Amino acid sequence: VARRDQRGVLGTLLPQRLSDGDRERVM
């Protein structure tokens, strides 16, 4: 979330915002 928001402001992290690729990167 921090990477996508270049202002450095973290919004609410919703599960549907993560793609399969995102989950793979987290793992």
PDB file of all heavy atoms in Angstrom:
ATOM      1  N   VAL A   1       0.834  -1.204   0.000  1.00  0.00           N
ATOM      2  CA  VAL A   1       0.000   0.000   0.000  1.00  0.00           C
ATOM      3  C   VAL A   1       0.867   1.251   0.000  1.00  0.00           C
ATOM      4  O   VAL A   1       0.618   2.225  -0.713  1.00  0.00           O
ATOM      5  CB  VAL A   1      -0.953   0.005   1.207  1.00  0.00           C
ATOM      6  CG1 VAL A   1      -1.838   1.244   1.186  1.00  0.00           C
ATOM      7  CG2 VAL A   1      -1.810  -1.252   1.197  1.00  0.00           C
ATOM      8  N   ALA A   2       1.940   1.226   0.801  1.00  0.00           N
ATOM      9  CA  ALA A   2       2.844   2.376   0.866  1.00  0.00           C
ATOM     10  C   ALA A   2       3.483   2.643  -0.483  1.00  0.00           C
ATOM     11  O   ALA A   2       3.692   3.791  -0.881  1.00  0.00           O
ATOM     12  CB  ALA A   2       3.907   2.131   1.922  1.00  0.00           C
ATOM     13  N   ARG A   3       3.825   1.591  -1.228  1.00  0.00           N
ATOM     14  CA  ARG A   3       4.454   1.762  -2.544  1.00  0.00           C
ATOM     15  C   ARG A   3       3.495   2.433  -3.511  1.00  0.00           C
ATOM     16  O   ARG A   3       3.874   3.296  -4.287  1.00  0.00           O
ATOM     17  CB  ARG A   3       4.861   0.388  -3.084  1.00  0.00           C
ATOM     18  CG  ARG A   3       5.321   0.396  -4.539  1.00  0.00           C
ATOM     19  CD  ARG A   3       6.804   0.679  -4.649  1.00  0.00           C
ATOM     20  NE  ARG A   3       7.250   0.695  -6.028  1.00  0.00           N
ATOM     21  CZ  ARG A   3       8.335   0.081  -6.467  1.00  0.00           C
ATOM     22  NH1 ARG A   3       9.078  -0.610  -5.647  1.00  0.00           N
ATOM     23  NH2 ARG A   3       8.706   0.169  -7.719  1.00  0.00           N
ATOM     24  N   ARG A   4       2.215   2.053  -3.455  1.00  0.00           N
ATOM     25  CA  ARG A   4       1.250   2.589  -4.410  1.00  0.00           C
ATOM     26  C   ARG A   4       0.861   4.021  -4.085  1.00  0.00           C
ATOM     27  O   ARG A   4       0.529   4.804  -4.959  1.00  0.00           O
ATOM     28  CB  ARG A   4       0.009   1.700  -4.419  1.00  0.00           C
ATOM     29  CG  ARG A   4       0.298   0.346  -5.057  1.00  0.00           C
ATOM     30  CD  ARG A   4      -0.802  -0.638  -4.783  1.00  0.00           C
ATOM     31  NE  ARG A   4      -0.446  -1.934  -5.332  1.00  0.00           N
ATOM     32  CZ  ARG A   4      -1.076  -3.058  -5.018  1.00  0.00           C
ATOM     33  NH1 ARG A   4      -2.067  -3.033  -4.172  1.00  0.00           N
ATOM     34  NH2 ARG A   4      -0.699  -4.193  -5.557  1.00  0.00           N
ATOM     35  N   ASP A   5       0.878   4.351  -2.800  1.00  0.00           N
ATOM     36  CA  ASP A   5       0.558   5.710  -2.385  1.00  0.00           C
ATOM     37  C   ASP A   5       1.857   6.480  -2.208  1.00  0.00           C
ATOM     38  O   ASP A   5       2.473   6.437  -1.169  1.00  0.00           O
ATOM     39  CB  ASP A   5      -0.232   5.692  -1.074  1.00  0.00           C
ATOM     40  CG  ASP A   5      -0.764   7.069  -0.701  1.00  0.00           C
ATOM     41  OD1 ASP A   5      -0.276   8.062  -1.272  1.00  0.00           O
ATOM     42  OD2 ASP A   5      -1.649   7.144   0.145  1.00  0.00           O
ATOM     43  N   GLN A   6       2.305   7.200  -3.252  1.00  0.00           N
ATOM     44  CA  GLN A   6       3.604   7.851  -3.224  1.00  0.00           C
ATOM     45  C   GLN A   6       3.658   8.995  -2.219  1.00  0.00           C
ATOM     46  O   GLN A   6       4.724   9.469  -1.887  1.00  0.00           O
ATOM     47  CB  GLN A   6       3.959   8.360  -4.625  1.00  0.00           C
ATOM     48  CG  GLN A   6       4.117   7.244  -5.636  1.00  0.00           C
ATOM     49  CD  GLN A   6       4.570   7.761  -6.983  1.00  0.00           C
ATOM     50  OE1 GLN A   6       5.091   8.867  -7.108  1.00  0.00           O
ATOM     51  NE2 GLN A   6       4.363   6.961  -8.014  1.00  0.00           N
ATOM     52  N   ARG A   7       2.522   9.433  -1.723  1.00  0.00           N
ATOM     53  CA  ARG A   7       2.534  10.473  -0.701  1.00  0.00           C
ATOM     54  C   ARG A   7       2.896   9.905   0.657  1.00  0.00           C
ATOM     55  O   ARG A   7       3.133  10.647   1.596  1.00  0.00           O
ATOM     56  CB  ARG A   7       1.150  11.127  -0.606  1.00  0.00           C
ATOM     57  CG  ARG A   7       0.709  11.836  -1.876  1.00  0.00           C
ATOM     58  CD  ARG A   7      -0.752  12.185  -1.788  1.00  0.00           C
ATOM     59  NE  ARG A   7      -1.552  10.967  -1.638  1.00  0.00           N
ATOM     60  CZ  ARG A   7      -2.849  10.972  -1.337  1.00  0.00           C
ATOM     61  NH1 ARG A   7      -3.471  12.107  -1.134  1.00  0.00           N
ATOM     62  NH2 ARG A   7      -3.512   9.834  -1.223  1.00  0.00           N
ATOM     63  N   GLY A   8       2.913   8.553   0.769  1.00  0.00           N
ATOM     64  CA  GLY A   8       3.254   7.934   2.032  1.00  0.00           C
ATOM     65  C   GLY A   8       2.090   7.870   2.994  1.00  0.00           C
ATOM     66  O   GLY A   8       2.255   7.614   4.175  1.00  0.00           O
ATOM     67  N   VAL A   9       0.850   8.098   2.509  1.00  0.00           N
ATOM     68  CA  VAL A   9      -0.319   8.045   3.363  1.00  0.00           C
ATOM     69  C   VAL A   9      -0.983   6.683   3.180  1.00  0.00           C
ATOM     70  O   VAL A   9      -1.399   6.330   2.093  1.00  0.00           O
ATOM     71  CB  VAL A   9      -1.322   9.164   3.009  1.00  0.00           C
ATOM     72  CG1 VAL A   9      -2.544   9.077   3.911  1.00  0.00           C
ATOM     73  CG2 VAL A   9      -0.656  10.530   3.127  1.00  0.00           C
ATOM     74  N   LEU A  10      -1.088   5.907   4.247  1.00  0.00           N
ATOM     75  CA  LEU A  10      -1.662   4.572   4.159  1.00  0.00           C
ATOM     76  C   LEU A  10      -3.172   4.642   4.329  1.00  0.00           C
ATOM     77  O   LEU A  10      -3.687   5.157   5.315  1.00  0.00           O
ATOM     78  CB  LEU A  10      -1.067   3.663   5.241  1.00  0.00           C
ATOM     79  CG  LEU A  10       0.431   3.394   5.142  1.00  0.00           C
ATOM     80  CD1 LEU A  10       0.841   2.449   6.264  1.00  0.00           C
ATOM     81  CD2 LEU A  10       0.784   2.800   3.804  1.00  0.00           C
ATOM     82  N   GLY A  11      -3.887   4.104   3.340  1.00  0.00           N
ATOM     83  CA  GLY A  11      -5.328   3.991   3.454  1.00  0.00           C
ATOM     84  C   GLY A  11      -5.705   2.660   4.077  1.00  0.00           C
ATOM     85  O   GLY A  11      -4.864   1.923   4.579  1.00  0.00           O
ATOM     86  N   THR A  12      -6.980   2.337   4.068  1.00  0.00           N
ATOM     87  CA  THR A  12      -7.442   1.063   4.596  1.00  0.00           C
ATOM     88  C   THR A  12      -7.077  -0.049   3.627  1.00  0.00           C
ATOM     89  O   THR A  12      -7.367   0.024   2.440  1.00  0.00           O
ATOM     90  CB  THR A  12      -8.966   1.104   4.799  1.00  0.00           C
ATOM     91  OG1 THR A  12      -9.280   2.157   5.692  1.00  0.00           O
ATOM     92  CG2 THR A  12      -9.456  -0.214   5.385  1.00  0.00           C
ATOM     93  N   LEU A  13      -6.442  -1.081   4.135  1.00  0.00           N
ATOM     94  CA  LEU A  13      -6.021  -2.194   3.292  1.00  0.00           C
ATOM     95  C   LEU A  13      -7.144  -3.214   3.232  1.00  0.00           C
ATOM     96  O   LEU A  13      -7.450  -3.877   4.211  1.00  0.00           O
ATOM     97  CB  LEU A  13      -4.758  -2.840   3.865  1.00  0.00           C
ATOM     98  CG  LEU A  13      -4.182  -3.997   3.039  1.00  0.00           C
ATOM     99  CD1 LEU A  13      -3.758  -3.491   1.670  1.00  0.00           C
ATOM    100  CD2 LEU A  13      -3.023  -4.647   3.756  1.00  0.00           C
ATOM    101  N   LEU A  14      -7.783  -3.328   2.085  1.00  0.00           N
ATOM    102  CA  LEU A  14      -8.858  -4.284   1.896  1.00  0.00           C
ATOM    103  C   LEU A  14      -8.330  -5.512   1.186  1.00  0.00           C
ATOM    104  O   LEU A  14      -7.507  -5.411   0.286  1.00  0.00           O
ATOM    105  CB  LEU A  14      -9.981  -3.641   1.056  1.00  0.00           C
ATOM    106  CG  LEU A  14     -10.604  -2.365   1.648  1.00  0.00           C
ATOM    107  CD1 LEU A  14     -11.620  -1.790   0.673  1.00  0.00           C
ATOM    108  CD2 LEU A  14     -11.253  -2.668   2.986  1.00  0.00           C
ATOM    109  N   PRO A  15      -8.793  -6.711   1.572  1.00  0.00           N
ATOM    110  CA  PRO A  15      -8.284  -7.923   0.948  1.00  0.00           C
ATOM    111  C   PRO A  15      -8.404  -7.930  -0.562  1.00  0.00           C
ATOM    112  O   PRO A  15      -7.525  -8.416  -1.254  1.00  0.00           O
ATOM    113  CB  PRO A  15      -9.146  -9.022   1.599  1.00  0.00           C
ATOM    114  CG  PRO A  15      -9.595  -8.443   2.895  1.00  0.00           C
ATOM    115  CD  PRO A  15      -9.758  -6.968   2.635  1.00  0.00           C
ATOM    116  N   GLN A  16      -9.501  -7.368  -1.113  1.00  0.00           N
ATOM    117  CA  GLN A  16      -9.689  -7.423  -2.552  1.00  0.00           C
ATOM    118  C   GLN A  16      -8.714  -6.530  -3.322  1.00  0.00           C
ATOM    119  O   GLN A  16      -8.636  -6.608  -4.538  1.00  0.00           O
ATOM    120  CB  GLN A  16     -11.132  -7.049  -2.928  1.00  0.00           C
ATOM    121  CG  GLN A  16     -11.553  -5.655  -2.488  1.00  0.00           C
ATOM    122  CD  GLN A  16     -12.243  -5.679  -1.151  1.00  0.00           C
ATOM    123  OE1 GLN A  16     -11.927  -6.522  -0.304  1.00  0.00           O
ATOM    124  NE2 GLN A  16     -13.207  -4.780  -0.947  1.00  0.00           N
ATOM    125  N   ARG A  17      -7.963  -5.697  -2.626  1.00  0.00           N
ATOM    126  CA  ARG A  17      -6.995  -4.849  -3.302  1.00  0.00           C
ATOM    127  C   ARG A  17      -5.719  -5.608  -3.644  1.00  0.00           C
ATOM    128  O   ARG A  17      -4.874  -5.102  -4.345  1.00  0.00           O
ATOM    129  CB  ARG A  17      -6.654  -3.640  -2.429  1.00  0.00           C
ATOM    130  CG  ARG A  17      -7.830  -2.696  -2.205  1.00  0.00           C
ATOM    131  CD  ARG A  17      -7.448  -1.509  -1.361  1.00  0.00           C
ATOM    132  NE  ARG A  17      -6.459  -0.666  -2.010  1.00  0.00           N
ATOM    133  CZ  ARG A  17      -5.997   0.475  -1.479  1.00  0.00           C
ATOM    134  NH1 ARG A  17      -6.434   0.864  -0.305  1.00  0.00           N
ATOM    135  NH2 ARG A  17      -5.102   1.192  -2.107  1.00  0.00           N
ATOM    136  N   LEU A  18      -5.565  -6.805  -3.138  1.00  0.00           N
ATOM    137  CA  LEU A  18      -4.363  -7.594  -3.387  1.00  0.00           C
ATOM    138  C   LEU A  18      -4.617  -8.596  -4.507  1.00  0.00           C
ATOM    139  O   LEU A  18      -5.551  -9.395  -4.445  1.00  0.00           O
ATOM    140  CB  LEU A  18      -3.942  -8.347  -2.125  1.00  0.00           C
ATOM    141  CG  LEU A  18      -3.449  -7.504  -0.955  1.00  0.00           C
ATOM    142  CD1 LEU A  18      -3.084  -8.398   0.211  1.00  0.00           C
ATOM    143  CD2 LEU A  18      -2.273  -6.644  -1.356  1.00  0.00           C
ATOM    144  N   SER A  19      -3.788  -8.553  -5.516  1.00  0.00           N
ATOM    145  CA  SER A  19      -3.864  -9.523  -6.601  1.00  0.00           C
ATOM    146  C   SER A  19      -3.119 -10.791  -6.210  1.00  0.00           C
ATOM    147  O   SER A  19      -2.432 -10.838  -5.178  1.00  0.00           O
ATOM    148  CB  SER A  19      -3.250  -8.932  -7.871  1.00  0.00           C
ATOM    149  OG  SER A  19      -1.851  -8.731  -7.695  1.00  0.00           O
ATOM    150  N   ASP A  20      -3.226 -11.810  -7.053  1.00  0.00           N
ATOM    151  CA  ASP A  20      -2.462 -13.031  -6.801  1.00  0.00           C
ATOM    152  C   ASP A  20      -0.963 -12.735  -6.810  1.00  0.00           C
ATOM    153  O   ASP A  20      -0.200 -13.303  -6.024  1.00  0.00           O
ATOM    154  CB  ASP A  20      -2.801 -14.089  -7.863  1.00  0.00           C
ATOM    155  CG  ASP A  20      -4.218 -14.620  -7.709  1.00  0.00           C
ATOM    156  OD1 ASP A  20      -4.792 -14.465  -6.613  1.00  0.00           O
ATOM    157  OD2 ASP A  20      -4.742 -15.179  -8.685  1.00  0.00           O
ATOM    158  N   GLY A  21      -0.536 -11.832  -7.722  1.00  0.00           N
ATOM    159  CA  GLY A  21       0.868 -11.440  -7.770  1.00  0.00           C
ATOM    160  C   GLY A  21       1.303 -10.749  -6.500  1.00  0.00           C
ATOM    161  O   GLY A  21       2.423 -10.957  -6.016  1.00  0.00           O
ATOM    162  N   ASP A  22       0.409  -9.902  -5.932  1.00  0.00           N
ATOM    163  CA  ASP A  22       0.713  -9.227  -4.671  1.00  0.00           C
ATOM    164  C   ASP A  22       0.920 -10.238  -3.550  1.00  0.00           C
ATOM    165  O   ASP A  22       1.875 -10.141  -2.771  1.00  0.00           O
ATOM    166  CB  ASP A  22      -0.431  -8.280  -4.288  1.00  0.00           C
ATOM    167  CG  ASP A  22      -0.514  -7.067  -5.193  1.00  0.00           C
ATOM    168  OD1 ASP A  22       0.519  -6.689  -5.784  1.00  0.00           O
ATOM    169  OD2 ASP A  22      -1.613  -6.504  -5.310  1.00  0.00           O
ATOM    170  N   ARG A  23       0.031 -11.196  -3.467  1.00  0.00           N
ATOM    171  CA  ARG A  23       0.128 -12.200  -2.401  1.00  0.00           C
ATOM    172  C   ARG A  23       1.401 -13.025  -2.546  1.00  0.00           C
ATOM    173  O   ARG A  23       2.021 -13.403  -1.545  1.00  0.00           O
ATOM    174  CB  ARG A  23      -1.112 -13.090  -2.420  1.00  0.00           C
ATOM    175  CG  ARG A  23      -2.395 -12.353  -2.025  1.00  0.00           C
ATOM    176  CD  ARG A  23      -3.570 -13.295  -1.902  1.00  0.00           C
ATOM    177  NE  ARG A  23      -4.759 -12.576  -1.458  1.00  0.00           N
ATOM    178  CZ  ARG A  23      -5.643 -12.008  -2.275  1.00  0.00           C
ATOM    179  NH1 ARG A  23      -5.463 -12.100  -3.585  1.00  0.00           N
ATOM    180  NH2 ARG A  23      -6.684 -11.366  -1.797  1.00  0.00           N
ATOM    181  N   GLU A  24       1.801 -13.273  -3.780  1.00  0.00           N
ATOM    182  CA  GLU A  24       3.040 -14.008  -4.009  1.00  0.00           C
ATOM    183  C   GLU A  24       4.245 -13.196  -3.541  1.00  0.00           C
ATOM    184  O   GLU A  24       5.176 -13.730  -2.938  1.00  0.00           O
ATOM    185  CB  GLU A  24       3.184 -14.352  -5.486  1.00  0.00           C
ATOM    186  CG  GLU A  24       4.411 -15.185  -5.808  1.00  0.00           C
ATOM    187  CD  GLU A  24       4.494 -15.567  -7.271  1.00  0.00           C
ATOM    188  OE1 GLU A  24       3.513 -15.325  -8.015  1.00  0.00           O
ATOM    189  OE2 GLU A  24       5.544 -16.104  -7.685  1.00  0.00           O
ATOM    190  N   ARG A  25       4.221 -11.890  -3.794  1.00  0.00           N
ATOM    191  CA  ARG A  25       5.321 -11.033  -3.362  1.00  0.00           C
ATOM    192  C   ARG A  25       5.393 -10.958  -1.846  1.00  0.00           C
ATOM    193  O   ARG A  25       6.479 -10.939  -1.256  1.00  0.00           O
ATOM    194  CB  ARG A  25       5.147  -9.636  -3.963  1.00  0.00           C
ATOM    195  CG  ARG A  25       5.374  -9.600  -5.465  1.00  0.00           C
ATOM    196  CD  ARG A  25       4.880  -8.319  -6.085  1.00  0.00           C
ATOM    197  NE  ARG A  25       5.632  -7.155  -5.658  1.00  0.00           N
ATOM    198  CZ  ARG A  25       5.324  -5.908  -6.014  1.00  0.00           C
ATOM    199  NH1 ARG A  25       4.273  -5.680  -6.777  1.00  0.00           N
ATOM    200  NH2 ARG A  25       6.065  -4.908  -5.609  1.00  0.00           N
ATOM    201  N   VAL A  26       4.222 -10.918  -1.188  1.00  0.00           N
ATOM    202  CA  VAL A  26       4.197 -10.909   0.273  1.00  0.00           C
ATOM    203  C   VAL A  26       4.815 -12.185   0.821  1.00  0.00           C
ATOM    204  O   VAL A  26       5.636 -12.154   1.739  1.00  0.00           O
ATOM    205  CB  VAL A  26       2.748 -10.742   0.787  1.00  0.00           C
ATOM    206  CG1 VAL A  26       2.678 -10.990   2.290  1.00  0.00           C
ATOM    207  CG2 VAL A  26       2.237  -9.338   0.450  1.00  0.00           C
ATOM    208  N   MET A  27       4.452 -13.328   0.228  1.00  0.00           N
ATOM    209  CA  MET A  27       4.997 -14.599   0.692  1.00  0.00           C
ATOM    210  C   MET A  27       6.501 -14.668   0.443  1.00  0.00           C
ATOM    211  O   MET A  27       7.269 -15.141   1.292  1.00  0.00           O
ATOM    212  CB  MET A  27       4.296 -15.751  -0.019  1.00  0.00           C
ATOM    213  CG  MET A  27       4.770 -17.135   0.435  1.00  0.00           C
ATOM    214  SD  MET A  27       4.652 -17.383   2.240  1.00  0.00           S
ATOM    215  CE  MET A  27       2.854 -17.281   2.459  1.00  0.00           C
TER     216      MET A  27
END
